[in-house]
N, C-alpha and C. Protein backbone atom coordinates (compact mmCIF):
# COMPACT_ATOMS: atom_id res chain seq x y z
N UNK A 1 0.82 -1.18 0.00
CA UNK A 1 0.00 0.00 0.00
C UNK A 1 0.87 1.26 0.00
N UNK A 2 1.97 1.22 0.74
CA UNK A 2 2.86 2.37 0.80
C UNK A 2 3.49 2.64 -0.56
N UNK A 3 3.92 1.58 -1.23
CA UNK A 3 4.54 1.75 -2.54
C UNK A 3 3.55 2.27 -3.57
N UNK A 4 2.33 1.83 -3.48
CA UNK A 4 1.30 2.32 -4.39
C UNK A 4 1.08 3.82 -4.19
N UNK A 5 1.05 4.25 -2.96
CA UNK A 5 0.90 5.67 -2.66
C UNK A 5 2.07 6.48 -3.18
N UNK A 6 3.29 5.95 -3.02
CA UNK A 6 4.47 6.65 -3.53
C UNK A 6 4.45 6.75 -5.05
N UNK A 7 3.99 5.70 -5.71
CA UNK A 7 3.90 5.73 -7.17
C UNK A 7 2.88 6.76 -7.61
N UNK A 8 1.74 6.81 -6.95
CA UNK A 8 0.69 7.78 -7.31
C UNK A 8 1.19 9.20 -7.09
N UNK A 9 1.84 9.45 -5.97
CA UNK A 9 2.39 10.79 -5.70
C UNK A 9 3.44 11.15 -6.73
N UNK A 10 4.29 10.21 -7.10
CA UNK A 10 5.32 10.46 -8.11
C UNK A 10 4.70 10.80 -9.46
N UNK A 11 3.65 10.09 -9.83
CA UNK A 11 2.99 10.36 -11.10
C UNK A 11 2.38 11.76 -11.10
N UNK A 12 1.70 12.13 -10.02
CA UNK A 12 1.13 13.48 -9.93
C UNK A 12 2.22 14.54 -9.98
N UNK A 13 3.34 14.28 -9.33
CA UNK A 13 4.46 15.22 -9.33
C UNK A 13 5.01 15.40 -10.75
N UNK A 14 5.20 14.32 -11.46
CA UNK A 14 5.72 14.40 -12.82
C UNK A 14 4.74 15.09 -13.76
N UNK A 15 3.45 14.85 -13.57
CA UNK A 15 2.44 15.51 -14.40
C UNK A 15 2.45 17.01 -14.15
N UNK A 16 2.54 17.41 -12.88
CA UNK A 16 2.57 18.85 -12.59
C UNK A 16 3.85 19.49 -13.11
N UNK A 17 4.95 18.77 -13.06
CA UNK A 17 6.21 19.27 -13.61
C UNK A 17 6.10 19.44 -15.12
N UNK A 18 5.51 18.48 -15.79
CA UNK A 18 5.34 18.58 -17.25
C UNK A 18 4.41 19.73 -17.61
N UNK A 19 3.36 19.93 -16.83
CA UNK A 19 2.45 21.06 -17.10
C UNK A 19 3.16 22.39 -16.90
N UNK A 20 4.00 22.49 -15.89
CA UNK A 20 4.76 23.71 -15.66
C UNK A 20 5.71 24.02 -16.79
N UNK A 21 6.38 22.99 -17.30
CA UNK A 21 7.29 23.19 -18.43
C UNK A 21 6.51 23.60 -19.66
N UNK A 22 5.34 23.00 -19.87
CA UNK A 22 4.52 23.35 -21.02
C UNK A 22 4.07 24.81 -20.95
N UNK A 23 3.71 25.27 -19.77
CA UNK A 23 3.31 26.67 -19.61
C UNK A 23 4.48 27.60 -19.90
N UNK A 24 5.66 27.24 -19.41
CA UNK A 24 6.84 28.07 -19.68
C UNK A 24 7.12 28.16 -21.17
N UNK A 25 7.02 27.04 -21.85
CA UNK A 25 7.32 27.05 -23.29
C UNK A 25 6.25 27.79 -24.08
N UNK A 26 5.01 27.70 -23.64
CA UNK A 26 3.92 28.38 -24.34
C UNK A 26 4.00 29.90 -24.17
N UNK A 27 4.43 30.36 -23.01
CA UNK A 27 4.49 31.79 -22.73
C UNK A 27 5.77 32.44 -23.25
N UNK A 28 6.66 31.67 -23.84
CA UNK A 28 7.90 32.15 -24.44
C UNK A 28 8.81 32.84 -23.44
N UNK A 29 8.94 32.24 -22.25
CA UNK A 29 9.89 32.73 -21.27
C UNK A 29 11.29 32.29 -21.69
N UNK A 30 12.27 32.94 -21.15
CA UNK A 30 13.66 32.58 -21.42
C UNK A 30 13.95 31.21 -20.81
N UNK A 31 14.85 30.47 -21.43
CA UNK A 31 15.21 29.14 -20.92
C UNK A 31 15.89 29.26 -19.56
N UNK A 32 16.53 30.40 -19.30
CA UNK A 32 17.17 30.59 -18.00
C UNK A 32 16.13 30.66 -16.88
N UNK A 33 14.96 31.22 -17.16
CA UNK A 33 13.88 31.24 -16.17
C UNK A 33 13.38 29.82 -15.90
N UNK A 34 13.33 29.00 -16.92
CA UNK A 34 12.91 27.61 -16.74
C UNK A 34 13.90 26.87 -15.85
N UNK A 35 15.18 27.06 -16.10
CA UNK A 35 16.21 26.40 -15.28
C UNK A 35 16.14 26.90 -13.84
N UNK A 36 15.97 28.20 -13.67
CA UNK A 36 15.85 28.77 -12.33
C UNK A 36 14.62 28.20 -11.61
N UNK A 37 13.51 28.09 -12.31
CA UNK A 37 12.29 27.52 -11.74
C UNK A 37 12.51 26.07 -11.31
N UNK A 38 13.11 25.28 -12.18
CA UNK A 38 13.30 23.87 -11.87
C UNK A 38 14.23 23.69 -10.68
N UNK A 39 15.29 24.47 -10.62
CA UNK A 39 16.25 24.31 -9.53
C UNK A 39 15.68 24.76 -8.19
N UNK A 40 14.98 25.88 -8.18
CA UNK A 40 14.53 26.42 -6.89
C UNK A 40 13.25 25.77 -6.38
N UNK A 41 12.32 25.50 -7.23
CA UNK A 41 11.02 25.02 -6.76
C UNK A 41 10.78 23.53 -6.93
N UNK A 42 11.58 22.86 -7.72
CA UNK A 42 11.34 21.44 -7.95
C UNK A 42 12.45 20.56 -7.38
N UNK A 43 13.69 20.84 -7.72
CA UNK A 43 14.77 19.94 -7.32
C UNK A 43 15.30 20.21 -5.92
N UNK A 44 15.39 21.46 -5.53
CA UNK A 44 15.94 21.79 -4.22
C UNK A 44 15.14 21.18 -3.07
N UNK A 45 13.81 21.28 -3.05
CA UNK A 45 13.07 20.62 -1.96
C UNK A 45 13.27 19.10 -1.93
N UNK A 46 13.38 18.49 -3.10
CA UNK A 46 13.62 17.04 -3.13
C UNK A 46 14.99 16.70 -2.54
N UNK A 47 15.99 17.51 -2.86
CA UNK A 47 17.32 17.28 -2.31
C UNK A 47 17.34 17.50 -0.80
N UNK A 48 16.61 18.48 -0.33
CA UNK A 48 16.54 18.72 1.11
C UNK A 48 15.88 17.56 1.84
N UNK A 49 14.80 17.04 1.30
CA UNK A 49 14.12 15.89 1.92
C UNK A 49 15.04 14.68 1.89
N UNK A 50 15.75 14.48 0.80
CA UNK A 50 16.68 13.36 0.68
C UNK A 50 17.77 13.47 1.74
N UNK A 51 18.33 14.66 1.92
CA UNK A 51 19.38 14.85 2.92
C UNK A 51 18.84 14.65 4.33
N UNK A 52 17.63 15.08 4.60
CA UNK A 52 17.04 14.90 5.93
C UNK A 52 16.81 13.41 6.21
N UNK A 53 16.38 12.67 5.20
CA UNK A 53 16.14 11.24 5.39
C UNK A 53 17.43 10.46 5.59
N UNK A 54 18.54 10.95 5.06
CA UNK A 54 19.82 10.26 5.24
C UNK A 54 20.38 10.46 6.64
N UNK A 55 20.01 11.54 7.29
CA UNK A 55 20.57 11.82 8.63
C UNK A 55 19.89 11.00 9.68
């Protein structure tokens, strides 16, 4: 049951990430804004959670 929940959450996360990228590309923002968005709002929280779980 736990693994099923993790898979569902991962799928929703990837779908929201894909929608965010699609919005960025549709609005013709600079690619640097996309990289900044991905690093600050998507990858950094995941890295922080990963580091907390390792401790």
